[in-house]
Amino acid sequence: MSVKKIAILFSGEGSNLENLIKKLHKKDFNDFTVEVALAITNNPNANGIKRALKFGINPIIIDHRDFKTREEFDKRVVLEINKRGCVLSVLAGFMRILTPIFTQNIKALNIHPSILPLFKGANAIKRSFQSDMKVAGVTVHTVTDELDGGEILAQECFNKEGMDFASFEEKIHKIEHEIYPKTVIDFLKTL
């Protein structure tokens, strides 16, 4: 059975990070085992650090403020991913706009808390909730040079009418935790 190594990149709370580790790390899927070989954060105060450590994964902290340019930061991230032989990087609340140094050298997936192509970029949950739309949802897509513009691999939506913001946000995270691991596995089958 082959091992497919992945990297998970995060910036904050780490709920998607923890969910991915629980559902994928050292688990067998048909003819391969997934190993979370690397976790990277750009935020030395990210709560996700504690979450990763709970599972014996010691995240690398690469503080973007230590670099003069986005390109220099991305070069270091790419180096760490390649050093560990990761075939896929999974962005889990990684709050950085990535340059072609990353996007053209690393296969990566991202999860976005809206029905893309709507509400690209930051604060998507809030903007989606406040919109006049009757539905909202979650998208998993490939990472490209265009912000939140890669190929859509999975989407799930729900009717948001009558929801308050807390229940709306909770529903978004519940869907994220269901579709992201499944989409990662399906994508790894193609590699």
C-alpha atoms as a PDB file:
ATOM      1  CA  MET A   1       0.000   0.000   0.000  1.00  0.00           C
ATOM      2  CA  SER A   2       1.421   3.363  -0.992  1.00  0.00           C
ATOM      3  CA  VAL A   3       1.567   6.402   1.283  1.00  0.00           C
ATOM      4  CA  LYS A   4       0.372   9.770  -0.011  1.00  0.00           C
ATOM      5  CA  LYS A   5       1.763  12.629   2.027  1.00  0.00           C
ATOM      6  CA  ILE A   6      -0.165  15.862   2.397  1.00  0.00           C
ATOM      7  CA  ALA A   7       0.568  19.260   3.925  1.00  0.00           C
ATOM      8  CA  ILE A   8      -2.114  21.277   5.707  1.00  0.00           C
ATOM      9  CA  LEU A   9      -1.735  25.062   5.808  1.00  0.00           C
ATOM     10  CA  PHE A  10      -3.675  27.113   8.359  1.00  0.00           C
ATOM     11  CA  SER A  11      -3.727  30.542   9.978  1.00  0.00           C
ATOM     12  CA  GLY A  12      -6.230  30.529  12.808  1.00  0.00           C
ATOM     13  CA  GLU A  13      -8.602  28.433  14.865  1.00  0.00           C
ATOM     14  CA  GLY A  14      -7.778  25.178  13.104  1.00  0.00           C
ATOM     15  CA  SER A  15     -11.164  23.425  13.139  1.00  0.00           C
ATOM     16  CA  ASN A  16     -10.750  22.263   9.521  1.00  0.00           C
ATOM     17  CA  LEU A  17      -7.145  21.297  10.278  1.00  0.00           C
ATOM     18  CA  GLU A  18      -8.250  19.105  13.196  1.00  0.00           C
ATOM     19  CA  ASN A  19     -11.103  17.590  11.201  1.00  0.00           C
ATOM     20  CA  LEU A  20      -8.769  16.696   8.319  1.00  0.00           C
ATOM     21  CA  ILE A  21      -6.207  15.139  10.666  1.00  0.00           C
ATOM     22  CA  LYS A  22      -8.908  13.078  12.422  1.00  0.00           C
ATOM     23  CA  LYS A  23     -10.446  11.812   9.197  1.00  0.00           C
ATOM     24  CA  LEU A  24      -7.354  11.363   7.016  1.00  0.00           C
ATOM     25  CA  HIS A  25      -4.092  10.994   8.968  1.00  0.00           C
ATOM     26  CA  LYS A  26      -2.782   7.418   8.923  1.00  0.00           C
ATOM     27  CA  LYS A  27      -6.076   6.171   7.451  1.00  0.00           C
ATOM     28  CA  ASP A  28      -6.288   3.708   4.553  1.00  0.00           C
ATOM     29  CA  PHE A  29      -8.307   4.474   1.425  1.00  0.00           C
ATOM     30  CA  ASN A  30      -8.438   1.624  -1.090  1.00  0.00           C
ATOM     31  CA  ASP A  31      -4.821   1.324  -2.243  1.00  0.00           C
ATOM     32  CA  PHE A  32      -3.170   4.149  -0.297  1.00  0.00           C
ATOM     33  CA  THR A  33      -2.655   5.541   3.186  1.00  0.00           C
ATOM     34  CA  VAL A  34      -2.793   9.285   3.855  1.00  0.00           C
ATOM     35  CA  GLU A  35      -0.107  10.839   6.021  1.00  0.00           C
ATOM     36  CA  VAL A  36      -0.302  14.434   7.199  1.00  0.00           C
ATOM     37  CA  ALA A  37       3.446  14.901   6.829  1.00  0.00           C
ATOM     38  CA  LEU A  38       3.427  18.633   7.452  1.00  0.00           C
ATOM     39  CA  ALA A  39       1.349  21.401   8.987  1.00  0.00           C
ATOM     40  CA  ILE A  40       2.350  25.004   8.313  1.00  0.00           C
ATOM     41  CA  THR A  41       0.999  28.174   9.852  1.00  0.00           C
ATOM     42  CA  ASN A  42       1.901  31.781   9.130  1.00  0.00           C
ATOM     43  CA  ASN A  43       0.548  32.838  12.541  1.00  0.00           C
ATOM     44  CA  PRO A  44       2.658  32.095  15.654  1.00  0.00           C
ATOM     45  CA  ASN A  45      -0.490  32.577  17.796  1.00  0.00           C
ATOM     46  CA  ALA A  46      -2.800  30.313  15.785  1.00  0.00           C
ATOM     47  CA  ASN A  47      -4.973  28.080  17.966  1.00  0.00           C
ATOM     48  CA  GLY A  48      -4.551  25.384  15.320  1.00  0.00           C
ATOM     49  CA  ILE A  49      -1.011  24.815  16.621  1.00  0.00           C
ATOM     50  CA  LYS A  50      -2.451  23.240  19.804  1.00  0.00           C
ATOM     51  CA  ARG A  51      -4.901  21.198  17.747  1.00  0.00           C
ATOM     52  CA  ALA A  52      -2.120  19.760  15.568  1.00  0.00           C
ATOM     53  CA  LEU A  53       0.081  18.979  18.573  1.00  0.00           C
ATOM     54  CA  LYS A  54      -2.787  16.932  20.074  1.00  0.00           C
ATOM     55  CA  PHE A  55      -2.254  14.485  17.194  1.00  0.00           C
ATOM     56  CA  GLY A  56       1.534  14.459  17.416  1.00  0.00           C
ATOM     57  CA  ILE A  57       1.984  16.802  14.466  1.00  0.00           C
ATOM     58  CA  ASN A  58       4.411  19.625  15.227  1.00  0.00           C
ATOM     59  CA  PRO A  59       3.533  22.550  12.951  1.00  0.00           C
ATOM     60  CA  ILE A  60       6.178  24.684  11.315  1.00  0.00           C
ATOM     61  CA  ILE A  61       5.630  28.373  11.957  1.00  0.00           C
ATOM     62  CA  ILE A  62       6.630  30.525   8.992  1.00  0.00           C
ATOM     63  CA  ASP A  63       5.622  34.036   9.990  1.00  0.00           C
ATOM     64  CA  HIS A  64       4.882  35.998   6.817  1.00  0.00           C
ATOM     65  CA  ARG A  65       5.958  39.193   8.605  1.00  0.00           C
ATOM     66  CA  ASP A  66       9.547  37.889   8.591  1.00  0.00           C
ATOM     67  CA  PHE A  67       9.697  38.177   4.791  1.00  0.00           C
ATOM     68  CA  LYS A  68      10.028  41.285   2.639  1.00  0.00           C
ATOM     69  CA  THR A  69       7.760  40.002  -0.128  1.00  0.00           C
ATOM     70  CA  ARG A  70       4.963  37.500  -0.662  1.00  0.00           C
ATOM     71  CA  GLU A  71       7.218  35.702  -3.122  1.00  0.00           C
ATOM     72  CA  GLU A  72       9.957  35.165  -0.516  1.00  0.00           C
ATOM     73  CA  PHE A  73       7.384  33.795   1.923  1.00  0.00           C
ATOM     74  CA  ASP A  74       5.894  31.481  -0.708  1.00  0.00           C
ATOM     75  CA  LYS A  75       9.365  30.247  -1.709  1.00  0.00           C
ATOM     76  CA  ARG A  76       9.985  29.125   1.877  1.00  0.00           C
ATOM     77  CA  VAL A  77       6.570  27.417   2.116  1.00  0.00           C
ATOM     78  CA  VAL A  78       7.176  25.586  -1.187  1.00  0.00           C
ATOM     79  CA  LEU A  79      10.609  24.472   0.052  1.00  0.00           C
ATOM     80  CA  GLU A  80       9.140  22.958   3.238  1.00  0.00           C
ATOM     81  CA  ILE A  81       6.349  21.178   1.327  1.00  0.00           C
ATOM     82  CA  ASN A  82       8.744  19.715  -1.249  1.00  0.00           C
ATOM     83  CA  LYS A  83      11.295  18.729   1.409  1.00  0.00           C
ATOM     84  CA  ARG A  84       8.714  16.379   2.928  1.00  0.00           C
ATOM     85  CA  GLY A  85       7.535  14.877  -0.352  1.00  0.00           C
ATOM     86  CA  CYS A  86       3.936  16.069  -0.063  1.00  0.00           C
ATOM     87  CA  VAL A  87       1.865  15.328  -3.175  1.00  0.00           C
ATOM     88  CA  LEU A  88      -0.921  17.703  -2.148  1.00  0.00           C
ATOM     89  CA  SER A  89      -1.338  20.771   0.031  1.00  0.00           C
ATOM     90  CA  VAL A  90      -4.669  21.433   1.683  1.00  0.00           C
ATOM     91  CA  LEU A  91      -5.502  24.993   2.701  1.00  0.00           C
ATOM     92  CA  ALA A  92      -7.569  25.043   5.878  1.00  0.00           C
ATOM     93  CA  GLY A  93      -8.211  28.672   6.715  1.00  0.00           C
ATOM     94  CA  PHE A  94      -4.821  29.760   5.386  1.00  0.00           C
ATOM     95  CA  MET A  95      -5.284  33.508   5.168  1.00  0.00           C
ATOM     96  CA  ARG A  96      -2.633  34.363   2.598  1.00  0.00           C
ATOM     97  CA  ILE A  97      -2.994  35.356  -1.035  1.00  0.00           C
ATOM     98  CA  LEU A  98      -0.567  33.012  -2.762  1.00  0.00           C
ATOM     99  CA  THR A  99       1.745  34.015  -5.600  1.00  0.00           C
ATOM    100  CA  PRO A 100       2.613  31.999  -8.712  1.00  0.00           C
ATOM    101  CA  ILE A 101       5.708  30.764  -6.851  1.00  0.00           C
ATOM    102  CA  PHE A 102       3.272  28.654  -4.820  1.00  0.00           C
ATOM    103  CA  THR A 103       0.382  28.163  -7.245  1.00  0.00           C
ATOM    104  CA  GLN A 104       2.536  27.028 -10.161  1.00  0.00           C
ATOM    105  CA  ASN A 105       4.697  24.640  -8.133  1.00  0.00           C
ATOM    106  CA  ILE A 106       2.325  23.034  -5.620  1.00  0.00           C
ATOM    107  CA  LYS A 107      -0.876  21.060  -6.159  1.00  0.00           C
ATOM    108  CA  ALA A 108      -3.317  22.491  -3.646  1.00  0.00           C
ATOM    109  CA  LEU A 109      -6.978  22.507  -2.666  1.00  0.00           C
ATOM    110  CA  ASN A 110      -8.894  25.161  -0.778  1.00  0.00           C
ATOM    111  CA  ILE A 111     -12.242  25.284   0.954  1.00  0.00           C
ATOM    112  CA  HIS A 112     -14.294  28.454   0.693  1.00  0.00           C
ATOM    113  CA  PRO A 113     -17.391  29.268   2.779  1.00  0.00           C
ATOM    114  CA  SER A 114     -19.606  30.397  -0.091  1.00  0.00           C
ATOM    115  CA  ILE A 115     -20.993  29.126  -3.352  1.00  0.00           C
ATOM    116  CA  LEU A 116     -18.229  30.233  -5.674  1.00  0.00           C
ATOM    117  CA  PRO A 117     -17.874  32.223  -7.813  1.00  0.00           C
ATOM    118  CA  LEU A 118     -19.889  34.377  -5.394  1.00  0.00           C
ATOM    119  CA  PHE A 119     -18.238  36.093  -2.401  1.00  0.00           C
ATOM    120  CA  LYS A 120     -14.597  35.415  -3.259  1.00  0.00           C
ATOM    121  CA  GLY A 121     -11.949  36.515  -0.773  1.00  0.00           C
ATOM    122  CA  ALA A 122     -12.145  37.413   2.911  1.00  0.00           C
ATOM    123  CA  ASN A 123     -15.267  37.653   5.090  1.00  0.00           C
ATOM    124  CA  ALA A 124     -17.226  35.346   2.779  1.00  0.00           C
ATOM    125  CA  ILE A 125     -19.383  33.898   5.576  1.00  0.00           C
ATOM    126  CA  LYS A 126     -20.538  37.333   6.676  1.00  0.00           C
ATOM    127  CA  ARG A 127     -21.061  38.601   3.126  1.00  0.00           C
ATOM    128  CA  SER A 128     -22.979  35.467   2.135  1.00  0.00           C
ATOM    129  CA  PHE A 129     -25.172  35.687   5.242  1.00  0.00           C
ATOM    130  CA  GLN A 130     -25.938  39.362   4.639  1.00  0.00           C
ATOM    131  CA  SER A 131     -26.759  38.900   0.957  1.00  0.00           C
ATOM    132  CA  ASP A 132     -30.299  38.710  -0.431  1.00  0.00           C
ATOM    133  CA  MET A 133     -29.697  35.154  -1.640  1.00  0.00           C
ATOM    134  CA  LYS A 134     -32.014  32.440  -0.308  1.00  0.00           C
ATOM    135  CA  VAL A 135     -29.232  29.824  -0.328  1.00  0.00           C
ATOM    136  CA  ALA A 136     -25.640  29.688   0.864  1.00  0.00           C
ATOM    137  CA  GLY A 137     -22.998  26.999   0.904  1.00  0.00           C
ATOM    138  CA  VAL A 138     -19.439  25.768   0.696  1.00  0.00           C
ATOM    139  CA  THR A 139     -17.054  25.148  -2.214  1.00  0.00           C
ATOM    140  CA  VAL A 140     -13.893  23.051  -2.520  1.00  0.00           C
ATOM    141  CA  HIS A 141     -11.675  24.110  -5.412  1.00  0.00           C
ATOM    142  CA  THR A 142      -8.179  23.784  -6.790  1.00  0.00           C
ATOM    143  CA  VAL A 143      -5.758  26.604  -6.035  1.00  0.00           C
ATOM    144  CA  THR A 144      -4.639  28.710  -9.005  1.00  0.00           C
ATOM    145  CA  ASP A 145      -3.179  32.154  -9.601  1.00  0.00           C
ATOM    146  CA  GLU A 146      -6.712  33.596  -9.403  1.00  0.00           C
ATOM    147  CA  LEU A 147      -8.009  34.108  -5.854  1.00  0.00           C
ATOM    148  CA  ASP A 148     -10.754  31.528  -5.200  1.00  0.00           C
ATOM    149  CA  GLY A 149     -10.860  30.929  -8.945  1.00  0.00           C
ATOM    150  CA  GLY A 150      -9.665  27.346  -9.438  1.00  0.00           C
ATOM    151  CA  GLU A 151     -11.670  24.401 -10.724  1.00  0.00           C
ATOM    152  CA  ILE A 152     -14.681  23.672  -8.521  1.00  0.00           C
ATOM    153  CA  LEU A 153     -14.441  20.098  -7.246  1.00  0.00           C
ATOM    154  CA  ALA A 154     -17.349  20.040  -4.786  1.00  0.00           C
ATOM    155  CA  GLN A 155     -20.158  22.300  -3.621  1.00  0.00           C
ATOM    156  CA  GLU A 156     -22.987  21.927  -1.176  1.00  0.00           C
ATOM    157  CA  CYS A 157     -25.675  24.467  -0.481  1.00  0.00           C
ATOM    158  CA  PHE A 158     -28.552  24.943   1.938  1.00  0.00           C
ATOM    159  CA  ASN A 159     -31.553  27.207   2.396  1.00  0.00           C
ATOM    160  CA  LYS A 160     -30.566  29.982   4.797  1.00  0.00           C
ATOM    161  CA  GLU A 161     -33.972  31.622   5.257  1.00  0.00           C
ATOM    162  CA  GLY A 162     -34.825  32.318   8.892  1.00  0.00           C
ATOM    163  CA  MET A 163     -31.332  31.523  10.231  1.00  0.00           C
ATOM    164  CA  ASP A 164     -29.487  33.763  12.639  1.00  0.00           C
ATOM    165  CA  PHE A 165     -25.765  34.335  12.067  1.00  0.00           C
ATOM    166  CA  ALA A 166     -24.596  31.839  14.723  1.00  0.00           C
ATOM    167  CA  SER A 167     -26.626  28.951  13.285  1.00  0.00           C
ATOM    168  CA  PHE A 168     -25.640  29.999   9.746  1.00  0.00           C
ATOM    169  CA  GLU A 169     -21.937  29.895  10.602  1.00  0.00           C
ATOM    170  CA  GLU A 170     -22.367  26.571  12.410  1.00  0.00           C
ATOM    171  CA  LYS A 171     -24.061  25.084   9.320  1.00  0.00           C
ATOM    172  CA  ILE A 172     -21.214  26.315   7.077  1.00  0.00           C
ATOM    173  CA  HIS A 173     -18.607  24.636   9.312  1.00  0.00           C
ATOM    174  CA  LYS A 174     -20.623  21.400   9.508  1.00  0.00           C
ATOM    175  CA  ILE A 175     -20.718  21.197   5.710  1.00  0.00           C
ATOM    176  CA  GLU A 176     -16.998  22.045   5.472  1.00  0.00           C
ATOM    177  CA  HIS A 177     -16.173  19.189   7.840  1.00  0.00           C
ATOM    178  CA  GLU A 178     -18.217  16.763   5.740  1.00  0.00           C
ATOM    179  CA  ILE A 179     -17.173  17.626   2.194  1.00  0.00           C
ATOM    180  CA  TYR A 180     -13.520  18.638   2.578  1.00  0.00           C
ATOM    181  CA  PRO A 181     -12.039  15.287   3.686  1.00  0.00           C
ATOM    182  CA  LYS A 182     -14.090  13.412   1.066  1.00  0.00           C
ATOM    183  CA  THR A 183     -12.952  15.773  -1.703  1.00  0.00           C
ATOM    184  CA  VAL A 184      -9.309  15.492  -0.589  1.00  0.00           C
ATOM    185  CA  ILE A 185      -9.546  11.671  -0.769  1.00  0.00           C
ATOM    186  CA  ASP A 186     -11.180  11.792  -4.204  1.00  0.00           C
ATOM    187  CA  PHE A 187      -8.456  14.155  -5.453  1.00  0.00           C
ATOM    188  CA  LEU A 188      -5.655  11.986  -3.998  1.00  0.00           C
ATOM    189  CA  LYS A 189      -7.054   9.024  -5.967  1.00  0.00           C
ATOM    190  CA  THR A 190      -6.151  10.914  -9.152  1.00  0.00           C
ATOM    191  CA  LEU A 191      -2.506  11.479  -8.116  1.00  0.00           C
END
